């Protein structure tokens, strides 16, 4: 204890610093009590992962998805899968719409009547289509370049989709070819109309080799062995008449008499 040099009334005068020396030492950080603010949440989280808990059961349902059929999957997993699939479809449709819009704008930038003078094999077909679309666009509220861009895009999608085996794309490819032949027939000069239309038909037929790849007009017959075999068998059910009254077991006939002594 710290003392002053001058005693008071014969007693020592304690210093104020002695109060600090009497305070208990500060505990270490590891000895501090943990805050109980999230104690209940931590306990609930730990309990839910134990066997029979909520999260434990959900994890078991997820791990069993690859081993069971669709009808045996939990309903919440089905709902999540359907929601994710619908969201993906909407996203793909939105992206496809943006791509198609950008493609149409890019193709529309090309003038519809800049196909040269129609010389060459491809020029004979392309120039006739451009002239036809330009004449028809004069009576419509659409630019000739937009019609020509749509015609190109339809042919491109029909060719690629048909090559991949899409039935709708193949139908679009057939309509594209028929419409192109009709446009060339109505626009080509009278003297070379048949030749121009025939040339376009040949080009369309050659391109159809890729667009209609794998298409067959022969009917497909599937011969499957029967799953159930019929085994005929004859079953005869006979019904025996019930015995009459008095003809029960143990009755003796009339010609049998007991032995008399």
C-alpha atoms as a PDB file:
ATOM      1  CA  UNK A   1       0.000   0.000   0.000  1.00  0.00           C
ATOM      2  CA  UNK A   2       1.222   3.449  -0.856  1.00  0.00           C
ATOM      3  CA  UNK A   3       1.502   5.855   2.061  1.00  0.00           C
ATOM      4  CA  UNK A   4       1.922   9.592   2.284  1.00  0.00           C
ATOM      5  CA  UNK A   5       4.813  11.046   4.134  1.00  0.00           C
ATOM      6  CA  UNK A   6       2.567  13.047   6.438  1.00  0.00           C
ATOM      7  CA  UNK A   7       0.304  10.963   8.680  1.00  0.00           C
ATOM      8  CA  UNK A   8      -3.110  12.313   9.760  1.00  0.00           C
ATOM      9  CA  UNK A   9      -3.995  11.957  13.442  1.00  0.00           C
ATOM     10  CA  UNK A  10      -1.331   9.293  13.831  1.00  0.00           C
ATOM     11  CA  UNK A  11      -2.800   7.210  10.981  1.00  0.00           C
ATOM     12  CA  UNK A  12      -1.569   6.623   7.476  1.00  0.00           C
ATOM     13  CA  UNK A  13      -3.233   8.579   4.661  1.00  0.00           C
ATOM     14  CA  UNK A  14      -4.057   6.096   1.861  1.00  0.00           C
ATOM     15  CA  UNK A  15      -3.580   7.123  -1.741  1.00  0.00           C
ATOM     16  CA  UNK A  16      -6.309   7.128  -4.437  1.00  0.00           C
ATOM     17  CA  UNK A  17      -4.256   4.751  -6.553  1.00  0.00           C
ATOM     18  CA  UNK A  18      -4.865   2.055  -3.985  1.00  0.00           C
ATOM     19  CA  UNK A  19      -8.462   1.762  -5.292  1.00  0.00           C
ATOM     20  CA  UNK A  20      -7.165   0.724  -8.708  1.00  0.00           C
ATOM     21  CA  UNK A  21      -4.926  -1.870  -7.182  1.00  0.00           C
ATOM     22  CA  UNK A  22      -7.935  -3.452  -5.437  1.00  0.00           C
ATOM     23  CA  UNK A  23      -9.889  -4.038  -8.700  1.00  0.00           C
ATOM     24  CA  UNK A  24      -9.922  -7.651  -9.957  1.00  0.00           C
ATOM     25  CA  UNK A  25      -7.871  -8.383 -13.082  1.00  0.00           C
ATOM     26  CA  UNK A  26      -9.620  -8.288 -16.487  1.00  0.00           C
ATOM     27  CA  UNK A  27     -10.615 -11.724 -17.725  1.00  0.00           C
ATOM     28  CA  UNK A  28      -9.152 -13.061 -20.946  1.00  0.00           C
ATOM     29  CA  UNK A  29     -11.159 -12.868 -24.142  1.00  0.00           C
ATOM     30  CA  UNK A  30     -11.535 -16.643 -24.231  1.00  0.00           C
ATOM     31  CA  UNK A  31     -13.199 -16.542 -20.795  1.00  0.00           C
ATOM     32  CA  UNK A  32     -15.851 -13.999 -21.793  1.00  0.00           C
ATOM     33  CA  UNK A  33     -19.382 -15.387 -21.984  1.00  0.00           C
ATOM     34  CA  UNK A  34     -20.559 -15.764 -25.612  1.00  0.00           C
ATOM     35  CA  UNK A  35     -23.457 -13.503 -26.587  1.00  0.00           C
ATOM     36  CA  UNK A  36     -26.758 -15.324 -26.475  1.00  0.00           C
ATOM     37  CA  UNK A  37     -28.354 -13.278 -29.241  1.00  0.00           C
ATOM     38  CA  UNK A  38     -28.098 -16.104 -31.802  1.00  0.00           C
ATOM     39  CA  UNK A  39     -27.982 -18.997 -29.388  1.00  0.00           C
ATOM     40  CA  UNK A  40     -31.509 -20.121 -30.271  1.00  0.00           C
ATOM     41  CA  UNK A  41     -30.817 -19.858 -33.984  1.00  0.00           C
ATOM     42  CA  UNK A  42     -27.631 -21.903 -33.674  1.00  0.00           C
ATOM     43  CA  UNK A  43     -29.435 -24.537 -31.657  1.00  0.00           C
ATOM     44  CA  UNK A  44     -32.257 -24.744 -34.210  1.00  0.00           C
ATOM     45  CA  UNK A  45     -29.753 -25.017 -37.087  1.00  0.00           C
ATOM     46  CA  UNK A  46     -27.876 -27.820 -35.326  1.00  0.00           C
ATOM     47  CA  UNK A  47     -31.082 -29.676 -34.481  1.00  0.00           C
ATOM     48  CA  UNK A  48     -32.445 -29.460 -38.026  1.00  0.00           C
ATOM     49  CA  UNK A  49     -29.344 -31.256 -39.390  1.00  0.00           C
ATOM     50  CA  UNK A  50     -29.641 -34.135 -36.945  1.00  0.00           C
ATOM     51  CA  UNK A  51     -31.327 -37.349 -38.039  1.00  0.00           C
ATOM     52  CA  UNK A  52     -35.049 -36.707 -38.371  1.00  0.00           C
ATOM     53  CA  UNK A  53     -34.609 -32.916 -38.600  1.00  0.00           C
ATOM     54  CA  UNK A  54     -36.123 -30.707 -41.287  1.00  0.00           C
ATOM     55  CA  UNK A  55     -32.939 -29.985 -43.241  1.00  0.00           C
ATOM     56  CA  UNK A  56     -31.751 -33.555 -42.823  1.00  0.00           C
ATOM     57  CA  UNK A  57     -34.954 -34.898 -44.401  1.00  0.00           C
ATOM     58  CA  UNK A  58     -34.788 -32.403 -47.289  1.00  0.00           C
ATOM     59  CA  UNK A  59     -31.180 -33.374 -48.017  1.00  0.00           C
ATOM     60  CA  UNK A  60     -32.172 -37.039 -48.059  1.00  0.00           C
ATOM     61  CA  UNK A  61     -34.923 -36.269 -50.588  1.00  0.00           C
ATOM     62  CA  UNK A  62     -32.431 -34.471 -52.823  1.00  0.00           C
ATOM     63  CA  UNK A  63     -29.922 -37.327 -52.655  1.00  0.00           C
ATOM     64  CA  UNK A  64     -32.608 -39.862 -53.640  1.00  0.00           C
ATOM     65  CA  UNK A  65     -33.668 -38.024 -56.806  1.00  0.00           C
ATOM     66  CA  UNK A  66     -31.277 -39.930 -59.083  1.00  0.00           C
ATOM     67  CA  UNK A  67     -32.467 -43.288 -57.764  1.00  0.00           C
ATOM     68  CA  UNK A  68     -36.262 -42.842 -58.038  1.00  0.00           C
ATOM     69  CA  UNK A  69     -38.726 -42.015 -60.803  1.00  0.00           C
ATOM     70  CA  UNK A  70     -40.350 -38.645 -61.417  1.00  0.00           C
ATOM     71  CA  UNK A  71     -43.555 -39.674 -59.639  1.00  0.00           C
ATOM     72  CA  UNK A  72     -41.638 -40.583 -56.487  1.00  0.00           C
ATOM     73  CA  UNK A  73     -39.722 -37.283 -56.285  1.00  0.00           C
ATOM     74  CA  UNK A  74     -40.769 -34.862 -53.562  1.00  0.00           C
ATOM     75  CA  UNK A  75     -43.311 -32.245 -54.587  1.00  0.00           C
ATOM     76  CA  UNK A  76     -41.099 -29.304 -53.623  1.00  0.00           C
ATOM     77  CA  UNK A  77     -38.324 -30.618 -55.894  1.00  0.00           C
ATOM     78  CA  UNK A  78     -40.797 -30.949 -58.775  1.00  0.00           C
ATOM     79  CA  UNK A  79     -42.025 -27.400 -58.234  1.00  0.00           C
ATOM     80  CA  UNK A  80     -38.460 -26.045 -58.132  1.00  0.00           C
ATOM     81  CA  UNK A  81     -37.524 -27.955 -61.305  1.00  0.00           C
ATOM     82  CA  UNK A  82     -40.624 -26.732 -63.172  1.00  0.00           C
ATOM     83  CA  UNK A  83     -40.056 -23.154 -62.067  1.00  0.00           C
ATOM     84  CA  UNK A  84     -36.415 -23.309 -63.158  1.00  0.00           C
ATOM     85  CA  UNK A  85     -37.358 -24.852 -66.499  1.00  0.00           C
ATOM     86  CA  UNK A  86     -39.993 -22.216 -67.206  1.00  0.00           C
ATOM     87  CA  UNK A  87     -37.568 -19.452 -66.286  1.00  0.00           C
ATOM     88  CA  UNK A  88     -34.975 -20.930 -68.649  1.00  0.00           C
ATOM     89  CA  UNK A  89     -37.517 -21.146 -71.473  1.00  0.00           C
ATOM     90  CA  UNK A  90     -38.570 -17.527 -70.974  1.00  0.00           C
ATOM     91  CA  UNK A  91     -34.925 -16.450 -70.941  1.00  0.00           C
ATOM     92  CA  UNK A  92     -34.183 -18.401 -74.131  1.00  0.00           C
ATOM     93  CA  UNK A  93     -37.240 -16.974 -75.900  1.00  0.00           C
ATOM     94  CA  UNK A  94     -36.271 -13.459 -74.893  1.00  0.00           C
ATOM     95  CA  UNK A  95     -32.716 -14.012 -76.124  1.00  0.00           C
ATOM     96  CA  UNK A  96     -33.948 -15.568 -79.364  1.00  0.00           C
ATOM     97  CA  UNK A  97     -36.223 -12.574 -79.937  1.00  0.00           C
ATOM     98  CA  UNK A  98     -33.334 -10.163 -79.489  1.00  0.00           C
ATOM     99  CA  UNK A  99     -31.130 -12.188 -81.849  1.00  0.00           C
ATOM    100  CA  UNK A 100     -33.862 -12.373 -84.498  1.00  0.00           C
ATOM    101  CA  UNK A 101     -34.527  -8.636 -84.179  1.00  0.00           C
ATOM    102  CA  UNK A 102     -30.819  -7.834 -84.576  1.00  0.00           C
ATOM    103  CA  UNK A 103     -30.572 -10.157 -87.580  1.00  0.00           C
ATOM    104  CA  UNK A 104     -33.555  -8.534 -89.262  1.00  0.00           C
ATOM    105  CA  UNK A 105     -32.105  -5.077 -88.686  1.00  0.00           C
ATOM    106  CA  UNK A 106     -28.762  -6.149 -90.104  1.00  0.00           C
ATOM    107  CA  UNK A 107     -30.318  -7.705 -93.164  1.00  0.00           C
ATOM    108  CA  UNK A 108     -32.658  -4.763 -93.662  1.00  0.00           C
ATOM    109  CA  UNK A 109     -29.651  -2.442 -93.995  1.00  0.00           C
ATOM    110  CA  UNK A 110     -28.936  -4.023 -97.381  1.00  0.00           C
ATOM    111  CA  UNK A 111     -31.021  -2.398-100.158  1.00  0.00           C
ATOM    112  CA  UNK A 112     -33.470  -4.817-101.695  1.00  0.00           C
ATOM    113  CA  UNK A 113     -32.626  -3.793-105.263  1.00  0.00           C
ATOM    114  CA  UNK A 114     -28.832  -3.964-105.022  1.00  0.00           C
ATOM    115  CA  UNK A 115     -28.537  -7.447-106.455  1.00  0.00           C
ATOM    116  CA  UNK A 116     -26.813  -6.450-109.679  1.00  0.00           C
ATOM    117  CA  UNK A 117     -28.277  -6.838-113.105  1.00  0.00           C
ATOM    118  CA  UNK A 118     -29.342 -10.471-112.616  1.00  0.00           C
ATOM    119  CA  UNK A 119     -26.360 -12.031-114.353  1.00  0.00           C
ATOM    120  CA  UNK A 120     -25.085 -15.454-113.330  1.00  0.00           C
ATOM    121  CA  UNK A 121     -26.956 -18.456-111.932  1.00  0.00           C
ATOM    122  CA  UNK A 122     -27.567 -17.036-108.476  1.00  0.00           C
ATOM    123  CA  UNK A 123     -28.243 -13.555-109.842  1.00  0.00           C
ATOM    124  CA  UNK A 124     -31.062 -14.943-112.005  1.00  0.00           C
ATOM    125  CA  UNK A 125     -32.855 -16.225-108.908  1.00  0.00           C
ATOM    126  CA  UNK A 126     -31.946 -13.485-106.439  1.00  0.00           C
ATOM    127  CA  UNK A 127     -32.641 -10.576-108.790  1.00  0.00           C
ATOM    128  CA  UNK A 128     -36.122 -11.852-109.607  1.00  0.00           C
ATOM    129  CA  UNK A 129     -36.971 -12.193-105.921  1.00  0.00           C
ATOM    130  CA  UNK A 130     -35.728  -8.670-105.164  1.00  0.00           C
ATOM    131  CA  UNK A 131     -37.803  -7.166-107.982  1.00  0.00           C
ATOM    132  CA  UNK A 132     -40.927  -9.055-106.890  1.00  0.00           C
ATOM    133  CA  UNK A 133     -40.593  -7.947-103.253  1.00  0.00           C
ATOM    134  CA  UNK A 134     -39.881  -4.337-104.268  1.00  0.00           C
ATOM    135  CA  UNK A 135     -43.034  -4.251-106.432  1.00  0.00           C
ATOM    136  CA  UNK A 136     -45.181  -5.758-103.688  1.00  0.00           C
ATOM    137  CA  UNK A 137     -43.763  -3.479-100.982  1.00  0.00           C
ATOM    138  CA  UNK A 138     -45.036  -0.427-102.919  1.00  0.00           C
ATOM    139  CA  UNK A 139     -48.581  -1.513-101.964  1.00  0.00           C
ATOM    140  CA  UNK A 140     -47.739  -2.421 -98.363  1.00  0.00           C
ATOM    141  CA  UNK A 141     -46.742  -0.483 -95.264  1.00  0.00           C
ATOM    142  CA  UNK A 142     -43.353  -2.176 -95.118  1.00  0.00           C
ATOM    143  CA  UNK A 143     -39.986  -1.474 -96.662  1.00  0.00           C
ATOM    144  CA  UNK A 144     -38.715  -3.723 -99.481  1.00  0.00           C
ATOM    145  CA  UNK A 145     -35.525  -4.353 -97.524  1.00  0.00           C
ATOM    146  CA  UNK A 146     -37.562  -5.748 -94.599  1.00  0.00           C
ATOM    147  CA  UNK A 147     -39.390  -8.179 -96.907  1.00  0.00           C
ATOM    148  CA  UNK A 148     -36.131  -9.314 -98.466  1.00  0.00           C
ATOM    149  CA  UNK A 149     -34.514  -9.745 -95.026  1.00  0.00           C
ATOM    150  CA  UNK A 150     -37.456 -11.824 -93.825  1.00  0.00           C
ATOM    151  CA  UNK A 151     -37.241 -13.981 -96.953  1.00  0.00           C
ATOM    152  CA  UNK A 152     -33.535 -14.626 -96.302  1.00  0.00           C
ATOM    153  CA  UNK A 153     -34.062 -15.355 -92.619  1.00  0.00           C
ATOM    154  CA  UNK A 154     -36.863 -17.827 -93.361  1.00  0.00           C
ATOM    155  CA  UNK A 155     -34.703 -19.724 -95.809  1.00  0.00           C
ATOM    156  CA  UNK A 156     -31.749 -19.807 -93.435  1.00  0.00           C
ATOM    157  CA  UNK A 157     -33.784 -21.057 -90.471  1.00  0.00           C
ATOM    158  CA  UNK A 158     -35.572 -23.620 -92.626  1.00  0.00           C
ATOM    159  CA  UNK A 159     -32.286 -24.956 -93.979  1.00  0.00           C
ATOM    160  CA  UNK A 160     -30.507 -25.179 -90.605  1.00  0.00           C
ATOM    161  CA  UNK A 161     -33.536 -26.433 -88.696  1.00  0.00           C
ATOM    162  CA  UNK A 162     -34.329 -29.001 -91.369  1.00  0.00           C
ATOM    163  CA  UNK A 163     -30.751 -30.272 -91.276  1.00  0.00           C
ATOM    164  CA  UNK A 164     -31.156 -30.765 -87.516  1.00  0.00           C
ATOM    165  CA  UNK A 165     -34.356 -32.748 -88.097  1.00  0.00           C
ATOM    166  CA  UNK A 166     -36.944 -30.231 -86.878  1.00  0.00           C
ATOM    167  CA  UNK A 167     -40.333 -30.949 -88.453  1.00  0.00           C
ATOM    168  CA  UNK A 168     -41.533 -27.335 -88.272  1.00  0.00           C
ATOM    169  CA  UNK A 169     -38.357 -26.085 -89.946  1.00  0.00           C
ATOM    170  CA  UNK A 170     -38.822 -28.573 -92.773  1.00  0.00           C
ATOM    171  CA  UNK A 171     -42.374 -27.359 -93.346  1.00  0.00           C
ATOM    172  CA  UNK A 172     -41.065 -23.775 -93.416  1.00  0.00           C
ATOM    173  CA  UNK A 173     -38.398 -24.864 -95.919  1.00  0.00           C
ATOM    174  CA  UNK A 174     -41.014 -26.376 -98.247  1.00  0.00           C
ATOM    175  CA  UNK A 175     -43.157 -23.234 -98.093  1.00  0.00           C
ATOM    176  CA  UNK A 176     -40.060 -21.107 -98.656  1.00  0.00           C
ATOM    177  CA  UNK A 177     -39.174 -23.028-101.812  1.00  0.00           C
ATOM    178  CA  UNK A 178     -42.720 -22.979-103.219  1.00  0.00           C
ATOM    179  CA  UNK A 179     -43.052 -19.253-102.560  1.00  0.00           C
ATOM    180  CA  UNK A 180     -39.678 -18.528-104.154  1.00  0.00           C
ATOM    181  CA  UNK A 181     -40.623 -20.464-107.303  1.00  0.00           C
ATOM    182  CA  UNK A 182     -43.893 -18.540-107.512  1.00  0.00           C
ATOM    183  CA  UNK A 183     -42.090 -15.180-107.186  1.00  0.00           C
ATOM    184  CA  UNK A 184     -39.556 -16.081-109.886  1.00  0.00           C
ATOM    185  CA  UNK A 185     -42.286 -17.321-112.254  1.00  0.00           C
ATOM    186  CA  UNK A 186     -44.238 -14.075-111.949  1.00  0.00           C
ATOM    187  CA  UNK A 187     -41.191 -11.772-112.273  1.00  0.00           C
ATOM    188  CA  UNK A 188     -38.873 -13.438-114.803  1.00  0.00           C
ATOM    189  CA  UNK A 189     -39.120 -12.325-118.458  1.00  0.00           C
ATOM    190  CA  UNK A 190     -41.657 -14.229-120.542  1.00  0.00           C
ATOM    191  CA  UNK A 191     -39.007 -15.698-122.825  1.00  0.00           C
ATOM    192  CA  UNK A 192     -36.884 -17.129-120.010  1.00  0.00           C
ATOM    193  CA  UNK A 193     -39.572 -17.712-117.387  1.00  0.00           C
ATOM    194  CA  UNK A 194     -39.473 -21.489-117.581  1.00  0.00           C
ATOM    195  CA  UNK A 195     -35.673 -21.613-117.544  1.00  0.00           C
ATOM    196  CA  UNK A 196     -35.398 -19.267-114.555  1.00  0.00           C
ATOM    197  CA  UNK A 197     -38.048 -21.182-112.603  1.00  0.00           C
ATOM    198  CA  UNK A 198     -36.468 -24.527-113.478  1.00  0.00           C
ATOM    199  CA  UNK A 199     -33.035 -23.264-112.409  1.00  0.00           C
ATOM    200  CA  UNK A 200     -34.454 -22.092-109.084  1.00  0.00           C
ATOM    201  CA  UNK A 201     -36.172 -25.466-108.617  1.00  0.00           C
ATOM    202  CA  UNK A 202     -32.882 -27.293-109.161  1.00  0.00           C
ATOM    203  CA  UNK A 203     -31.086 -25.052-106.653  1.00  0.00           C
ATOM    204  CA  UNK A 204     -33.861 -25.638-104.135  1.00  0.00           C
ATOM    205  CA  UNK A 205     -33.683 -29.399-104.706  1.00  0.00           C
ATOM    206  CA  UNK A 206     -29.928 -29.437-104.129  1.00  0.00           C
ATOM    207  CA  UNK A 207     -30.313 -27.448-100.931  1.00  0.00           C
ATOM    208  CA  UNK A 208     -33.112 -29.826 -99.862  1.00  0.00           C
ATOM    209  CA  UNK A 209     -30.566 -32.630 -99.691  1.00  0.00           C
ATOM    210  CA  UNK A 210     -29.326 -31.015 -96.492  1.00  0.00           C
ATOM    211  CA  UNK A 211     -32.623 -29.560 -95.272  1.00  0.00           C
ATOM    212  CA  UNK A 212     -34.542 -32.834 -95.653  1.00  0.00           C
ATOM    213  CA  UNK A 213     -31.714 -35.099 -94.546  1.00  0.00           C
ATOM    214  CA  UNK A 214     -32.989 -38.411 -93.184  1.00  0.00           C
ATOM    215  CA  UNK A 215     -36.571 -37.882 -94.363  1.00  0.00           C
ATOM    216  CA  UNK A 216     -38.109 -41.065 -95.796  1.00  0.00           C
ATOM    217  CA  UNK A 217     -41.498 -41.553 -97.412  1.00  0.00           C
ATOM    218  CA  UNK A 218     -41.599 -45.257 -96.587  1.00  0.00           C
ATOM    219  CA  UNK A 219     -43.826 -46.198 -93.685  1.00  0.00           C
ATOM    220  CA  UNK A 220     -41.948 -47.324 -90.630  1.00  0.00           C
ATOM    221  CA  UNK A 221     -43.149 -50.683 -89.333  1.00  0.00           C
ATOM    222  CA  UNK A 222     -42.167 -51.687 -85.838  1.00  0.00           C
ATOM    223  CA  UNK A 223     -42.249 -55.430 -85.227  1.00  0.00           C
ATOM    224  CA  UNK A 224     -42.239 -56.059 -81.526  1.00  0.00           C
ATOM    225  CA  UNK A 225     -42.594 -59.532 -80.027  1.00  0.00           C
ATOM    226  CA  UNK A 226     -45.763 -60.000 -78.026  1.00  0.00           C
ATOM    227  CA  UNK A 227     -45.315 -59.294 -74.386  1.00  0.00           C
ATOM    228  CA  UNK A 228     -47.957 -61.802 -73.327  1.00  0.00           C
ATOM    229  CA  UNK A 229     -48.230 -65.368 -74.571  1.00  0.00           C
ATOM    230  CA  UNK A 230     -51.645 -66.992 -74.836  1.00  0.00           C
ATOM    231  CA  UNK A 231     -51.728 -70.553 -73.556  1.00  0.00           C
ATOM    232  CA  UNK A 232     -55.110 -72.171 -74.309  1.00  0.00           C
ATOM    233  CA  UNK A 233     -56.343 -74.592 -71.701  1.00  0.00           C
ATOM    234  CA  UNK A 234     -59.620 -76.476 -71.302  1.00  0.00           C
ATOM    235  CA  UNK A 235     -61.229 -76.381 -67.887  1.00  0.00           C
ATOM    236  CA  UNK A 236     -64.295 -78.553 -67.200  1.00  0.00           C
ATOM    237  CA  UNK A 237     -66.336 -77.787 -64.140  1.00  0.00           C
ATOM    238  CA  UNK A 238     -68.604 -80.669 -63.069  1.00  0.00           C
ATOM    239  CA  UNK A 239     -71.211 -80.330 -60.330  1.00  0.00           C
ATOM    240  CA  UNK A 240     -72.166 -83.472 -58.393  1.00  0.00           C
ATOM    241  CA  UNK A 241     -75.781 -83.738 -57.292  1.00  0.00           C
ATOM    242  CA  UNK A 242     -76.447 -83.587 -53.596  1.00  0.00           C
ATOM    243  CA  UNK A 243     -77.443 -86.922 -51.958  1.00  0.00           C
ATOM    244  CA  UNK A 244     -81.156 -87.449 -51.316  1.00  0.00           C
ATOM    245  CA  UNK A 245     -82.645 -87.658 -47.859  1.00  0.00           C
ATOM    246  CA  UNK A 246     -82.169 -91.056 -46.289  1.00  0.00           C
ATOM    247  CA  UNK A 247     -79.197 -91.939 -48.489  1.00  0.00           C
ATOM    248  CA  UNK A 248     -76.643 -90.785 -45.999  1.00  0.00           C
ATOM    249  CA  UNK A 249     -73.539 -92.683 -45.057  1.00  0.00           C
ATOM    250  CA  UNK A 250     -74.250 -95.622 -42.842  1.00  0.00           C
ATOM    251  CA  UNK A 251     -77.705 -96.529 -44.279  1.00  0.00           C
ATOM    252  CA  UNK A 252     -78.019-100.215 -45.107  1.00  0.00           C
ATOM    253  CA  UNK A 253     -79.796-101.510 -48.224  1.00  0.00           C
ATOM    254  CA  UNK A 254     -83.070-103.451 -47.883  1.00  0.00           C
ATOM    255  CA  UNK A 255     -81.566-106.813 -48.828  1.00  0.00           C
ATOM    256  CA  UNK A 256     -79.105-106.753 -45.948  1.00  0.00           C
ATOM    257  CA  UNK A 257     -80.466-108.111 -42.647  1.00  0.00           C
ATOM    258  CA  UNK A 258     -78.670-108.515 -39.354  1.00  0.00           C
ATOM    259  CA  UNK A 259     -77.616-112.033 -38.388  1.00  0.00           C
ATOM    260  CA  UNK A 260     -80.033-113.614 -35.901  1.00  0.00           C
ATOM    261  CA  UNK A 261     -78.939-116.238 -33.378  1.00  0.00           C
END
